[in-house]
N, C-alpha and C. Protein backbone atom coordinates (compact mmCIF):
# COMPACT_ATOMS: atom_id res chain seq x y z
N MET A 1 -17.05 41.45 31.17
CA MET A 1 -15.64 41.60 30.87
C MET A 1 -14.80 40.63 31.72
N ILE A 2 -15.17 40.48 32.99
CA ILE A 2 -14.43 39.57 33.87
C ILE A 2 -14.62 38.13 33.41
N GLY A 3 -15.79 37.82 32.83
CA GLY A 3 -16.04 36.48 32.32
C GLY A 3 -15.05 36.09 31.24
N TYR A 4 -14.76 37.03 30.32
CA TYR A 4 -13.79 36.75 29.26
C TYR A 4 -12.39 36.55 29.83
N PHE A 5 -12.07 37.36 30.86
CA PHE A 5 -10.76 37.24 31.50
C PHE A 5 -10.60 35.87 32.15
N LEU A 6 -11.65 35.40 32.83
CA LEU A 6 -11.59 34.09 33.48
C LEU A 6 -11.50 32.96 32.45
N ILE A 7 -12.24 33.09 31.36
CA ILE A 7 -12.17 32.09 30.30
C ILE A 7 -10.77 32.07 29.69
N GLY A 8 -10.18 33.25 29.51
CA GLY A 8 -8.81 33.34 28.99
C GLY A 8 -7.81 32.68 29.91
N LEU A 9 -7.95 32.94 31.24
CA LEU A 9 -7.06 32.30 32.21
C LEU A 9 -7.21 30.78 32.21
N LEU A 10 -8.45 30.33 32.12
CA LEU A 10 -8.72 28.89 32.07
C LEU A 10 -8.08 28.27 30.83
N LEU A 11 -8.26 28.90 29.68
CA LEU A 11 -7.67 28.39 28.44
C LEU A 11 -6.14 28.42 28.50
N ALA A 12 -5.57 29.48 29.06
CA ALA A 12 -4.11 29.55 29.19
C ALA A 12 -3.59 28.44 30.10
N GLY A 13 -4.31 28.19 31.21
CA GLY A 13 -3.91 27.10 32.10
C GLY A 13 -3.98 25.75 31.42
N LEU A 14 -5.07 25.52 30.66
CA LEU A 14 -5.20 24.26 29.92
C LEU A 14 -4.08 24.12 28.89
N LEU A 15 -3.75 25.21 28.22
CA LEU A 15 -2.67 25.17 27.24
C LEU A 15 -1.34 24.84 27.90
N LEU A 16 -1.06 25.43 29.05
CA LEU A 16 0.18 25.12 29.76
C LEU A 16 0.24 23.67 30.20
N MET A 17 -0.89 23.13 30.67
CA MET A 17 -0.93 21.71 31.05
C MET A 17 -0.69 20.83 29.82
N LEU A 18 -1.30 21.17 28.70
CA LEU A 18 -1.11 20.42 27.47
C LEU A 18 0.35 20.46 27.01
N LEU A 19 0.95 21.63 27.04
CA LEU A 19 2.35 21.76 26.63
C LEU A 19 3.28 20.99 27.55
N ASN A 20 2.99 20.98 28.85
CA ASN A 20 3.80 20.21 29.80
C ASN A 20 3.70 18.72 29.49
N TRP A 21 2.47 18.25 29.24
CA TRP A 21 2.31 16.83 28.88
C TRP A 21 3.04 16.54 27.58
N TRP A 22 2.88 17.41 26.59
CA TRP A 22 3.49 17.21 25.27
C TRP A 22 5.00 17.09 25.37
N ALA A 23 5.63 17.92 26.22
CA ALA A 23 7.08 17.90 26.36
C ALA A 23 7.59 16.59 26.94
N ASN A 24 6.76 15.89 27.71
CA ASN A 24 7.18 14.65 28.35
C ASN A 24 6.61 13.40 27.70
N ALA A 25 5.87 13.54 26.62
CA ALA A 25 5.18 12.41 25.99
C ALA A 25 6.11 11.60 25.10
N GLN A 26 5.80 10.31 24.96
CA GLN A 26 6.49 9.45 24.01
C GLN A 26 6.06 9.84 22.61
N VAL A 27 6.89 9.59 21.60
CA VAL A 27 6.61 10.00 20.24
C VAL A 27 5.30 9.40 19.73
N LYS A 28 5.12 8.12 19.92
CA LYS A 28 3.91 7.47 19.40
C LYS A 28 2.66 8.04 20.05
N SER A 29 2.71 8.24 21.36
CA SER A 29 1.57 8.80 22.08
C SER A 29 1.31 10.23 21.64
N ALA A 30 2.36 11.01 21.43
CA ALA A 30 2.19 12.40 21.01
C ALA A 30 1.59 12.48 19.60
N LYS A 31 2.07 11.62 18.70
CA LYS A 31 1.52 11.61 17.34
C LYS A 31 0.05 11.23 17.34
N ASN A 32 -0.30 10.23 18.12
CA ASN A 32 -1.69 9.80 18.21
C ASN A 32 -2.57 10.90 18.79
N SER A 33 -2.10 11.55 19.84
CA SER A 33 -2.86 12.64 20.46
C SER A 33 -3.03 13.81 19.50
N LEU A 34 -1.98 14.14 18.78
CA LEU A 34 -2.06 15.23 17.81
C LEU A 34 -3.09 14.93 16.73
N MET A 35 -3.11 13.69 16.26
CA MET A 35 -4.09 13.31 15.26
C MET A 35 -5.50 13.49 15.78
N TRP A 36 -5.76 13.07 17.02
CA TRP A 36 -7.09 13.22 17.59
C TRP A 36 -7.45 14.67 17.84
N MET A 37 -6.45 15.51 18.19
CA MET A 37 -6.73 16.94 18.35
C MET A 37 -7.12 17.57 17.02
N ILE A 38 -6.44 17.19 15.95
CA ILE A 38 -6.77 17.70 14.63
C ILE A 38 -8.18 17.28 14.24
N VAL A 39 -8.52 16.03 14.50
CA VAL A 39 -9.86 15.54 14.20
C VAL A 39 -10.90 16.31 15.02
N ALA A 40 -10.63 16.57 16.29
CA ALA A 40 -11.57 17.31 17.15
C ALA A 40 -11.76 18.73 16.65
N VAL A 41 -10.68 19.40 16.27
CA VAL A 41 -10.79 20.77 15.75
C VAL A 41 -11.58 20.78 14.45
N CYS A 42 -11.33 19.82 13.56
CA CYS A 42 -12.08 19.74 12.31
C CYS A 42 -13.56 19.48 12.57
N ALA A 43 -13.86 18.61 13.52
CA ALA A 43 -15.26 18.33 13.85
C ALA A 43 -15.93 19.57 14.43
N ALA A 44 -15.24 20.30 15.30
CA ALA A 44 -15.80 21.52 15.88
C ALA A 44 -16.04 22.57 14.80
N LEU A 45 -15.07 22.72 13.90
CA LEU A 45 -15.22 23.68 12.79
C LEU A 45 -16.40 23.29 11.90
N ALA A 46 -16.53 22.01 11.61
CA ALA A 46 -17.65 21.55 10.79
C ALA A 46 -18.97 21.84 11.49
N PHE A 47 -19.03 21.61 12.80
CA PHE A 47 -20.26 21.88 13.56
C PHE A 47 -20.60 23.37 13.53
N ILE A 48 -19.61 24.22 13.72
CA ILE A 48 -19.85 25.67 13.70
C ILE A 48 -20.34 26.11 12.33
N LEU A 49 -19.68 25.62 11.27
CA LEU A 49 -20.11 25.99 9.93
C LEU A 49 -21.53 25.48 9.63
N LEU A 50 -21.82 24.29 10.08
CA LEU A 50 -23.16 23.73 9.88
C LEU A 50 -24.20 24.55 10.65
N ALA A 51 -23.88 24.94 11.87
CA ALA A 51 -24.80 25.72 12.69
C ALA A 51 -25.05 27.11 12.12
N THR A 52 -24.09 27.65 11.37
CA THR A 52 -24.25 28.98 10.79
C THR A 52 -24.83 28.93 9.39
N GLY A 53 -25.25 27.75 8.95
CA GLY A 53 -25.91 27.63 7.66
C GLY A 53 -24.97 27.44 6.48
N LYS A 54 -23.78 27.10 6.73
CA LYS A 54 -22.80 26.89 5.65
C LYS A 54 -22.49 25.40 5.53
N ALA A 55 -23.53 24.63 5.20
CA ALA A 55 -23.43 23.18 5.17
C ALA A 55 -22.41 22.70 4.16
N LEU A 56 -22.33 23.34 3.00
CA LEU A 56 -21.37 22.92 1.97
C LEU A 56 -19.94 23.10 2.46
N LEU A 57 -19.66 24.23 3.10
CA LEU A 57 -18.33 24.46 3.64
C LEU A 57 -18.02 23.52 4.81
N ALA A 58 -19.05 23.12 5.55
CA ALA A 58 -18.87 22.22 6.69
C ALA A 58 -18.36 20.85 6.25
N ALA A 59 -18.62 20.50 4.99
CA ALA A 59 -18.19 19.19 4.49
C ALA A 59 -16.67 19.10 4.41
N VAL A 60 -15.99 20.22 4.16
CA VAL A 60 -14.53 20.19 4.00
C VAL A 60 -13.83 19.72 5.27
N PRO A 61 -14.01 20.40 6.42
CA PRO A 61 -13.32 19.89 7.62
C PRO A 61 -13.84 18.52 8.08
N ALA A 62 -15.13 18.26 7.84
CA ALA A 62 -15.68 16.96 8.24
C ALA A 62 -15.03 15.84 7.43
N LEU A 63 -14.89 16.04 6.13
CA LEU A 63 -14.24 15.02 5.29
C LEU A 63 -12.76 14.87 5.65
N PHE A 64 -12.11 15.98 5.99
CA PHE A 64 -10.71 15.90 6.40
C PHE A 64 -10.58 15.07 7.67
N ALA A 65 -11.48 15.30 8.64
CA ALA A 65 -11.44 14.54 9.90
C ALA A 65 -11.67 13.06 9.64
N VAL A 66 -12.63 12.75 8.78
CA VAL A 66 -12.91 11.34 8.45
C VAL A 66 -11.71 10.72 7.76
N PHE A 67 -11.08 11.45 6.85
CA PHE A 67 -9.90 10.93 6.16
C PHE A 67 -8.76 10.68 7.14
N ARG A 68 -8.54 11.60 8.09
CA ARG A 68 -7.47 11.41 9.07
C ARG A 68 -7.72 10.19 9.95
N MET A 69 -9.00 9.92 10.23
CA MET A 69 -9.32 8.79 11.10
C MET A 69 -9.26 7.46 10.35
N PHE A 70 -9.80 7.43 9.13
CA PHE A 70 -9.95 6.16 8.43
C PHE A 70 -9.15 6.05 7.14
N GLY A 71 -8.50 7.13 6.71
CA GLY A 71 -7.77 7.13 5.45
C GLY A 71 -6.68 6.08 5.35
N PRO A 72 -5.78 5.98 6.34
CA PRO A 72 -4.72 4.98 6.23
C PRO A 72 -5.27 3.55 6.13
N MET A 73 -6.32 3.25 6.88
CA MET A 73 -6.91 1.92 6.83
C MET A 73 -7.52 1.66 5.45
N LEU A 74 -8.23 2.65 4.91
CA LEU A 74 -8.85 2.49 3.59
C LEU A 74 -7.78 2.36 2.51
N ALA A 75 -6.74 3.18 2.59
CA ALA A 75 -5.67 3.11 1.60
C ALA A 75 -4.98 1.76 1.64
N SER A 76 -4.77 1.23 2.85
CA SER A 76 -4.15 -0.08 3.00
C SER A 76 -5.00 -1.16 2.34
N ARG A 77 -6.31 -1.08 2.56
CA ARG A 77 -7.20 -2.08 1.95
C ARG A 77 -7.23 -1.95 0.44
N LEU A 78 -7.23 -0.72 -0.07
CA LEU A 78 -7.26 -0.52 -1.51
C LEU A 78 -5.98 -1.01 -2.17
N LEU A 79 -4.85 -0.78 -1.49
CA LEU A 79 -3.55 -1.13 -2.07
C LEU A 79 -3.14 -2.57 -1.78
N SER A 80 -3.90 -3.29 -0.98
CA SER A 80 -3.49 -4.63 -0.58
C SER A 80 -3.37 -5.58 -1.77
N GLY A 81 -4.11 -5.33 -2.83
CA GLY A 81 -4.04 -6.21 -3.99
C GLY A 81 -3.10 -5.72 -5.07
N ILE A 82 -2.45 -4.57 -4.84
CA ILE A 82 -1.57 -4.00 -5.85
C ILE A 82 -0.13 -4.22 -5.44
N ASN A 83 0.68 -4.78 -6.34
CA ASN A 83 2.10 -4.97 -6.06
C ASN A 83 2.83 -3.71 -6.46
N LEU A 84 3.42 -3.03 -5.48
CA LEU A 84 4.11 -1.77 -5.75
C LEU A 84 5.61 -1.95 -5.94
N GLY A 85 6.06 -3.13 -6.20
CA GLY A 85 7.47 -3.34 -6.44
C GLY A 85 8.19 -3.90 -5.23
N ARG A 86 9.48 -3.64 -5.19
CA ARG A 86 10.35 -4.23 -4.18
C ARG A 86 9.88 -3.95 -2.76
N PHE A 87 9.43 -2.72 -2.47
CA PHE A 87 8.98 -2.39 -1.13
C PHE A 87 7.48 -2.20 -1.11
N GLY A 88 6.75 -2.87 -1.99
CA GLY A 88 5.32 -2.62 -2.17
C GLY A 88 4.46 -3.18 -1.06
N ALA A 89 3.34 -2.53 -0.86
CA ALA A 89 2.39 -2.96 0.15
C ALA A 89 1.65 -4.20 -0.31
N GLY A 90 1.67 -4.50 -1.60
CA GLY A 90 0.91 -5.63 -2.11
C GLY A 90 1.63 -6.95 -2.00
N SER A 91 2.92 -6.95 -1.78
CA SER A 91 3.63 -8.21 -1.68
C SER A 91 3.39 -8.82 -0.31
N ALA A 92 3.54 -10.11 -0.20
CA ALA A 92 3.31 -10.78 1.08
C ALA A 92 4.27 -10.26 2.12
N GLN A 93 5.48 -9.89 1.69
CA GLN A 93 6.46 -9.40 2.64
C GLN A 93 6.18 -7.96 3.01
N GLY A 94 5.44 -7.23 2.19
CA GLY A 94 5.22 -5.82 2.42
C GLY A 94 4.12 -5.51 3.41
N ARG A 95 3.43 -6.51 3.92
CA ARG A 95 2.35 -6.24 4.85
C ARG A 95 2.80 -6.39 6.30
N GLY A 96 4.07 -6.18 6.54
CA GLY A 96 4.55 -6.23 7.92
C GLY A 96 4.61 -7.64 8.45
N GLY A 97 5.16 -8.56 7.67
CA GLY A 97 5.20 -9.95 8.07
C GLY A 97 6.04 -10.19 9.29
N GLY A 98 6.85 -9.22 9.70
CA GLY A 98 7.64 -9.34 10.91
C GLY A 98 8.60 -10.51 10.85
N HIS A 99 8.65 -11.31 11.93
CA HIS A 99 9.62 -12.39 11.99
C HIS A 99 9.23 -13.56 11.11
N HIS A 100 8.02 -13.56 10.51
CA HIS A 100 7.64 -14.62 9.59
C HIS A 100 8.14 -14.35 8.19
N GLU A 101 8.68 -13.18 7.98
CA GLU A 101 9.11 -12.74 6.66
C GLU A 101 10.43 -13.42 6.27
N ASN A 102 10.47 -13.99 5.07
CA ASN A 102 11.68 -14.61 4.57
C ASN A 102 12.17 -13.83 3.35
N LEU A 103 13.38 -13.34 3.44
CA LEU A 103 14.00 -12.63 2.32
C LEU A 103 15.09 -13.50 1.73
N SER A 104 15.26 -13.40 0.43
CA SER A 104 16.42 -14.05 -0.16
C SER A 104 17.66 -13.24 0.23
N ARG A 105 18.80 -13.82 0.05
CA ARG A 105 20.04 -13.12 0.39
C ARG A 105 20.18 -11.85 -0.44
N GLN A 106 19.83 -11.92 -1.72
CA GLN A 106 19.94 -10.76 -2.61
C GLN A 106 18.99 -9.64 -2.17
N GLU A 107 17.75 -10.01 -1.79
CA GLU A 107 16.79 -9.01 -1.31
C GLU A 107 17.30 -8.35 -0.03
N ALA A 108 17.86 -9.15 0.86
CA ALA A 108 18.38 -8.62 2.11
C ALA A 108 19.52 -7.63 1.86
N LEU A 109 20.40 -7.97 0.92
CA LEU A 109 21.49 -7.06 0.58
C LEU A 109 20.95 -5.75 0.01
N GLU A 110 19.92 -5.83 -0.83
CA GLU A 110 19.31 -4.63 -1.41
C GLU A 110 18.68 -3.75 -0.34
N VAL A 111 17.98 -4.37 0.61
CA VAL A 111 17.33 -3.62 1.68
C VAL A 111 18.37 -2.84 2.48
N LEU A 112 19.50 -3.47 2.77
CA LEU A 112 20.55 -2.81 3.56
C LEU A 112 21.50 -1.98 2.70
N GLY A 113 21.33 -2.03 1.38
CA GLY A 113 22.19 -1.24 0.49
C GLY A 113 23.61 -1.76 0.44
N LEU A 114 23.79 -3.07 0.48
CA LEU A 114 25.12 -3.68 0.51
C LEU A 114 25.36 -4.52 -0.74
N GLU A 115 26.62 -4.82 -0.98
CA GLU A 115 27.03 -5.69 -2.09
C GLU A 115 27.29 -7.09 -1.54
N GLU A 116 27.26 -8.07 -2.44
CA GLU A 116 27.59 -9.45 -2.07
C GLU A 116 29.00 -9.48 -1.48
N GLY A 117 29.18 -10.24 -0.44
CA GLY A 117 30.48 -10.37 0.20
C GLY A 117 30.67 -9.39 1.36
N ALA A 118 29.61 -8.68 1.76
CA ALA A 118 29.72 -7.73 2.88
C ALA A 118 30.02 -8.50 4.16
N SER A 119 30.86 -7.93 4.98
CA SER A 119 31.24 -8.57 6.24
C SER A 119 30.14 -8.39 7.29
N GLU A 120 30.24 -9.16 8.38
CA GLU A 120 29.27 -9.03 9.47
C GLU A 120 29.28 -7.61 10.03
N LYS A 121 30.46 -7.02 10.11
CA LYS A 121 30.59 -5.66 10.63
C LYS A 121 29.87 -4.67 9.71
N GLU A 122 30.04 -4.81 8.39
CA GLU A 122 29.37 -3.93 7.44
C GLU A 122 27.85 -4.10 7.50
N ILE A 123 27.41 -5.35 7.66
CA ILE A 123 25.97 -5.62 7.77
C ILE A 123 25.41 -4.95 9.02
N SER A 124 26.10 -5.11 10.14
CA SER A 124 25.64 -4.52 11.40
C SER A 124 25.64 -3.00 11.34
N GLU A 125 26.68 -2.42 10.74
CA GLU A 125 26.75 -0.96 10.62
C GLU A 125 25.63 -0.42 9.72
N ALA A 126 25.38 -1.08 8.60
CA ALA A 126 24.32 -0.65 7.70
C ALA A 126 22.96 -0.77 8.39
N TYR A 127 22.77 -1.86 9.12
CA TYR A 127 21.52 -2.07 9.86
C TYR A 127 21.32 -0.95 10.88
N ARG A 128 22.33 -0.66 11.68
CA ARG A 128 22.21 0.38 12.72
C ARG A 128 21.94 1.75 12.10
N ARG A 129 22.66 2.07 11.02
CA ARG A 129 22.50 3.36 10.37
C ARG A 129 21.08 3.53 9.83
N LEU A 130 20.59 2.51 9.13
CA LEU A 130 19.25 2.60 8.55
C LEU A 130 18.16 2.55 9.61
N MET A 131 18.35 1.71 10.63
CA MET A 131 17.34 1.60 11.69
C MET A 131 17.22 2.93 12.44
N ALA A 132 18.32 3.65 12.61
CA ALA A 132 18.26 4.95 13.27
C ALA A 132 17.38 5.93 12.48
N GLN A 133 17.29 5.73 11.17
CA GLN A 133 16.49 6.62 10.32
C GLN A 133 15.02 6.23 10.28
N VAL A 134 14.71 4.93 10.35
CA VAL A 134 13.34 4.48 10.11
C VAL A 134 12.66 3.88 11.34
N HIS A 135 13.28 3.95 12.50
CA HIS A 135 12.70 3.31 13.68
C HIS A 135 11.36 3.95 14.02
N PRO A 136 10.35 3.15 14.34
CA PRO A 136 9.01 3.68 14.65
C PRO A 136 9.00 4.67 15.82
N ASP A 137 9.88 4.51 16.79
CA ASP A 137 9.92 5.43 17.93
C ASP A 137 10.40 6.82 17.51
N LYS A 138 11.00 6.92 16.35
CA LYS A 138 11.46 8.22 15.85
C LYS A 138 10.58 8.70 14.70
N GLY A 139 9.37 8.17 14.64
CA GLY A 139 8.43 8.61 13.62
C GLY A 139 8.56 7.85 12.31
N GLY A 140 9.32 6.78 12.31
CA GLY A 140 9.52 5.99 11.09
C GLY A 140 8.45 4.93 10.90
N SER A 141 8.75 4.01 10.02
CA SER A 141 7.79 3.01 9.59
C SER A 141 8.01 1.68 10.28
N ASP A 142 6.93 1.12 10.84
CA ASP A 142 6.99 -0.23 11.43
C ASP A 142 7.39 -1.24 10.36
N TRP A 143 6.81 -1.07 9.18
CA TRP A 143 7.05 -2.00 8.09
C TRP A 143 8.53 -2.00 7.68
N MET A 144 9.13 -0.81 7.54
CA MET A 144 10.53 -0.74 7.13
C MET A 144 11.45 -1.28 8.22
N ALA A 145 11.11 -1.02 9.48
CA ALA A 145 11.91 -1.57 10.58
C ALA A 145 11.86 -3.10 10.55
N ALA A 146 10.67 -3.66 10.29
CA ALA A 146 10.54 -5.12 10.19
C ALA A 146 11.36 -5.64 9.00
N LYS A 147 11.36 -4.89 7.90
CA LYS A 147 12.12 -5.29 6.71
C LYS A 147 13.62 -5.29 7.02
N LEU A 148 14.09 -4.29 7.74
CA LEU A 148 15.51 -4.24 8.12
C LEU A 148 15.87 -5.39 9.06
N ASN A 149 14.97 -5.69 10.01
CA ASN A 149 15.22 -6.81 10.92
C ASN A 149 15.31 -8.12 10.15
N ALA A 150 14.40 -8.30 9.19
CA ALA A 150 14.41 -9.53 8.41
C ALA A 150 15.68 -9.63 7.56
N ALA A 151 16.12 -8.51 7.00
CA ALA A 151 17.34 -8.50 6.19
C ALA A 151 18.55 -8.86 7.04
N ARG A 152 18.64 -8.29 8.22
CA ARG A 152 19.78 -8.60 9.12
C ARG A 152 19.74 -10.07 9.51
N ARG A 153 18.55 -10.60 9.86
CA ARG A 153 18.45 -12.02 10.21
C ARG A 153 18.90 -12.91 9.06
N THR A 154 18.47 -12.57 7.85
CA THR A 154 18.82 -13.39 6.69
C THR A 154 20.32 -13.42 6.47
N LEU A 155 20.97 -12.27 6.64
CA LEU A 155 22.40 -12.19 6.35
C LEU A 155 23.28 -12.69 7.49
N LEU A 156 22.81 -12.59 8.73
CA LEU A 156 23.65 -12.97 9.87
C LEU A 156 23.36 -14.34 10.44
N ASP A 157 22.19 -14.89 10.18
CA ASP A 157 21.85 -16.21 10.74
C ASP A 157 22.30 -17.32 9.84
């Protein structure tokens, strides 16, 4: 009985340490750690199910863990040849071209949601508003942040 109590105290202490780290972690680091924790739990569940003779059921968490680890990379490779339109992953600009990306003036206006003749102030305000929504540090997309940067450069340079 005391053994279970000590294991419980140990687990509670580990949980408190984890929560303390989580509260002070950067968003990107926290997201990455959460993904690896999910993968570890799925792998442990698959191992337990496999050990108890439920091999077919063990495939479900194992496949989920594999998908979480390699799914985005596989999806990116599969979609690399497909043009998904204006913001598509298949276009040369859609693969995160960063500062090498060249947008036409019309494309830049569309990205920022502006009309022709927008002032520098309107361009800057639209950029700031949209960047606040899609910035990678706030869980947004690196690709969309790069697209907004390219649009602002095209319109202001």
